[in-house]
């Protein structure tokens, strides 16, 4: 039976690190795990359409364009998960519950995306604002100047919770918050594994 796990968190919270450890351990425990980054699927669709060249340009697109790309990405991801053989299949989606744009906050998991993905659980990875800011500053591969202040991060953490809660209510998925403190990736990964195994 397929379980879809949607993992969200603000930029710099350490989702990728937690997911790398959790995915490896779940595979070692006999699960067939497929981890995908939602933004990669959006980027592929938007690049093919000639709309953007890089991931960080996506946040500046019109809402209607983003919503269309989100729906296509969600449909492609769900289809890919359903094609995986076996009875212990776990599809993990690394994404965002909320996206900060110049015009305001937009949903990372709008209704159309939730209807396509059909998540079993939504997991919110969190860390302290200072830890997030430090991680963002060390990540030279992404442009996040508009997200790199303590005040912005505090606000984004709070709004991320609201959006994740709303997504849980709309989809009927369980909701879990996991703390990813500095140097505790293994602990956060084990918490995530426990959630996956219990759903």
Protein backbone atom coordinates (compact mmCIF):
# COMPACT_ATOMS: atom_id res chain seq x y z
CA UNK A 1 0.00 0.00 0.00
CA UNK A 2 1.29 3.44 -0.96
CA UNK A 3 1.85 6.00 1.79
CA UNK A 4 2.47 9.59 0.68
CA UNK A 5 4.39 11.74 3.15
CA UNK A 6 4.56 15.48 2.49
CA UNK A 7 7.43 17.17 4.32
CA UNK A 8 7.46 20.96 4.58
CA UNK A 9 9.59 23.60 6.22
CA UNK A 10 10.91 27.10 5.66
CA UNK A 11 14.08 27.55 3.56
CA UNK A 12 17.13 26.69 5.66
CA UNK A 13 15.32 24.48 8.19
CA UNK A 14 17.31 21.43 7.11
CA UNK A 15 14.61 19.37 5.39
CA UNK A 16 17.02 17.92 2.85
CA UNK A 17 19.44 16.71 5.52
CA UNK A 18 16.69 15.08 7.59
CA UNK A 19 15.16 13.48 4.52
CA UNK A 20 18.49 12.09 3.29
CA UNK A 21 19.03 10.26 6.59
CA UNK A 22 15.41 9.12 6.95
CA UNK A 23 15.19 7.84 3.37
CA UNK A 24 18.38 5.80 3.74
CA UNK A 25 17.21 4.24 7.01
CA UNK A 26 13.72 3.45 5.70
CA UNK A 27 15.26 1.70 2.69
CA UNK A 28 17.48 -0.32 5.02
CA UNK A 29 14.33 -1.39 6.90
CA UNK A 30 12.81 -2.87 3.75
CA UNK A 31 10.64 -0.03 2.50
CA UNK A 32 10.61 0.99 -1.15
CA UNK A 33 11.14 4.73 -0.78
CA UNK A 34 10.93 7.39 -3.48
CA UNK A 35 11.94 10.89 -2.38
CA UNK A 36 11.08 13.75 -4.74
CA UNK A 37 11.54 17.49 -4.55
CA UNK A 38 8.31 19.21 -5.60
CA UNK A 39 10.19 22.25 -6.89
CA UNK A 40 12.17 20.07 -9.32
CA UNK A 41 8.95 18.95 -10.98
CA UNK A 42 7.62 22.51 -11.16
CA UNK A 43 10.93 23.72 -12.56
CA UNK A 44 10.98 21.01 -15.23
CA UNK A 45 7.46 21.92 -16.37
CA UNK A 46 8.14 25.67 -16.36
CA UNK A 47 11.49 25.29 -18.16
CA UNK A 48 9.85 23.21 -20.89
CA UNK A 49 7.22 25.93 -21.18
CA UNK A 50 9.96 28.56 -21.50
CA UNK A 51 8.74 30.47 -18.44
CA UNK A 52 11.81 30.29 -16.14
CA UNK A 53 15.45 29.24 -16.17
CA UNK A 54 16.09 28.78 -12.42
CA UNK A 55 14.15 27.62 -9.36
CA UNK A 56 14.35 30.95 -7.54
CA UNK A 57 12.54 32.67 -10.44
CA UNK A 58 9.43 30.60 -9.73
CA UNK A 59 8.50 32.73 -6.69
CA UNK A 60 8.21 35.81 -8.91
CA UNK A 61 5.65 34.26 -11.29
CA UNK A 62 1.96 35.14 -11.32
CA UNK A 63 -0.18 33.05 -8.98
CA UNK A 64 -2.16 31.49 -11.85
CA UNK A 65 1.06 30.29 -13.48
CA UNK A 66 2.34 28.83 -10.23
CA UNK A 67 -0.96 27.09 -9.52
CA UNK A 68 -0.94 25.47 -12.95
CA UNK A 69 2.65 24.28 -12.50
CA UNK A 70 1.87 22.98 -9.00
CA UNK A 71 -1.07 20.92 -10.22
CA UNK A 72 0.94 19.38 -13.08
CA UNK A 73 3.82 18.60 -10.71
CA UNK A 74 1.51 16.97 -8.14
CA UNK A 75 -0.16 14.82 -10.80
CA UNK A 76 3.21 13.67 -12.18
CA UNK A 77 4.53 12.87 -8.70
CA UNK A 78 1.46 10.85 -7.69
CA UNK A 79 1.62 8.88 -10.96
CA UNK A 80 5.28 8.14 -10.37
CA UNK A 81 4.58 6.93 -6.83
CA UNK A 82 1.69 4.71 -7.96
CA UNK A 83 3.93 3.07 -10.57
CA UNK A 84 6.37 1.85 -7.91
CA UNK A 85 6.09 -1.92 -7.33
CA UNK A 86 5.73 -3.57 -3.94
CA UNK A 87 3.49 -3.36 -0.91
CA UNK A 88 5.72 -1.25 1.38
CA UNK A 89 5.92 1.81 -0.84
CA UNK A 90 6.56 5.25 0.64
CA UNK A 91 6.48 8.36 -1.51
CA UNK A 92 8.07 11.37 0.19
CA UNK A 93 7.54 14.89 -1.16
CA UNK A 94 9.99 17.61 -0.10
CA UNK A 95 8.15 20.92 -0.52
CA UNK A 96 6.85 24.09 1.16
CA UNK A 97 3.51 24.74 2.84
CA UNK A 98 3.78 28.45 2.06
CA UNK A 99 5.71 30.58 -0.42
CA UNK A 100 6.72 34.16 0.34
CA UNK A 101 6.36 36.43 -2.69
CA UNK A 102 6.48 40.17 -3.27
CA UNK A 103 2.67 40.23 -3.25
CA UNK A 104 2.26 38.20 -0.06
CA UNK A 105 2.09 34.58 1.01
CA UNK A 106 0.88 31.94 -1.46
CA UNK A 107 -0.03 28.33 -0.71
CA UNK A 108 2.54 25.65 -1.43
CA UNK A 109 -0.17 23.02 -0.98
CA UNK A 110 -3.34 24.43 -2.54
CA UNK A 111 -6.45 22.29 -2.85
CA UNK A 112 -5.59 20.99 -6.34
CA UNK A 113 -2.17 19.78 -5.14
CA UNK A 114 -3.61 18.05 -2.08
CA UNK A 115 -6.27 16.36 -4.22
CA UNK A 116 -3.60 15.03 -6.59
CA UNK A 117 -1.04 13.95 -3.97
CA UNK A 118 -3.52 12.47 -1.44
CA UNK A 119 -1.05 12.67 1.48
CA UNK A 120 -1.31 10.32 4.44
CA UNK A 121 0.62 12.72 6.66
CA UNK A 122 2.08 16.22 6.51
CA UNK A 123 5.29 16.64 8.48
CA UNK A 124 6.56 20.11 9.39
CA UNK A 125 10.31 20.33 10.02
CA UNK A 126 11.21 23.25 12.27
CA UNK A 127 14.28 24.83 13.88
CA UNK A 128 15.02 28.03 15.77
CA UNK A 129 15.18 31.27 13.75
CA UNK A 130 18.90 31.65 14.57
CA UNK A 131 19.68 28.12 13.34
CA UNK A 132 17.72 28.71 10.14
CA UNK A 133 19.45 32.04 9.47
CA UNK A 134 22.85 30.43 10.00
CA UNK A 135 22.01 27.59 7.59
CA UNK A 136 20.70 30.03 4.95
CA UNK A 137 23.90 32.04 5.10
CA UNK A 138 25.97 28.88 4.57
CA UNK A 139 23.92 27.87 1.50
CA UNK A 140 25.57 29.79 -1.34
CA UNK A 141 23.71 27.78 -3.98
CA UNK A 142 20.36 29.55 -3.49
CA UNK A 143 19.24 33.19 -3.58
CA UNK A 144 17.32 33.91 -0.38
CA UNK A 145 18.11 37.53 0.46
CA UNK A 146 14.40 38.29 0.83
CA UNK A 147 14.11 35.54 3.45
CA UNK A 148 17.32 36.15 5.39
CA UNK A 149 16.41 38.21 8.42
CA UNK A 150 15.47 36.94 11.87
CA UNK A 151 12.15 38.80 11.82
CA UNK A 152 11.19 37.39 8.42
CA UNK A 153 12.12 33.87 9.49
CA UNK A 154 10.06 34.15 12.71
CA UNK A 155 7.05 35.34 10.71
CA UNK A 156 7.54 32.64 8.09
CA UNK A 157 7.77 29.89 10.73
CA UNK A 158 4.46 31.01 12.23
CA UNK A 159 2.68 31.32 8.88
CA UNK A 160 4.14 27.98 7.74
CA UNK A 161 2.40 26.35 10.73
CA UNK A 162 -0.92 27.96 9.83
CA UNK A 163 -0.70 26.82 6.21
CA UNK A 164 0.34 23.29 7.21
CA UNK A 165 -2.59 23.06 9.63
CA UNK A 166 -4.98 24.26 6.91
CA UNK A 167 -3.55 21.68 4.49
CA UNK A 168 -4.09 18.94 7.06
CA UNK A 169 -7.70 19.99 7.61
CA UNK A 170 -8.43 20.20 3.87
CA UNK A 171 -6.76 16.89 2.97
CA UNK A 172 -7.61 14.86 6.06
CA UNK A 173 -3.91 14.01 6.42
CA UNK A 174 -2.33 13.61 9.84
CA UNK A 175 -0.03 16.45 10.93
CA UNK A 176 3.26 16.22 12.83
CA UNK A 177 5.85 18.82 13.88
CA UNK A 178 9.50 17.73 14.19
CA UNK A 179 12.32 19.87 15.60
CA UNK A 180 15.60 19.76 13.67
CA UNK A 181 18.02 21.35 16.12
CA UNK A 182 21.62 21.98 15.12
CA UNK A 183 23.61 18.73 15.25
CA UNK A 184 20.48 16.59 15.79
CA UNK A 185 19.65 15.49 12.24
CA UNK A 186 19.68 11.80 13.26
CA UNK A 187 17.13 12.43 16.02
CA UNK A 188 14.84 14.37 13.67
CA UNK A 189 15.18 11.63 11.04
CA UNK A 190 14.24 8.93 13.57
CA UNK A 191 11.14 10.92 14.55
CA UNK A 192 10.16 11.15 10.89
CA UNK A 193 10.69 7.40 10.44
CA UNK A 194 8.48 6.70 13.45
CA UNK A 195 5.70 8.82 11.93
CA UNK A 196 6.00 7.01 8.59
CA UNK A 197 5.91 3.58 10.18
CA UNK A 198 2.87 4.42 12.32
CA UNK A 199 0.60 5.83 9.59
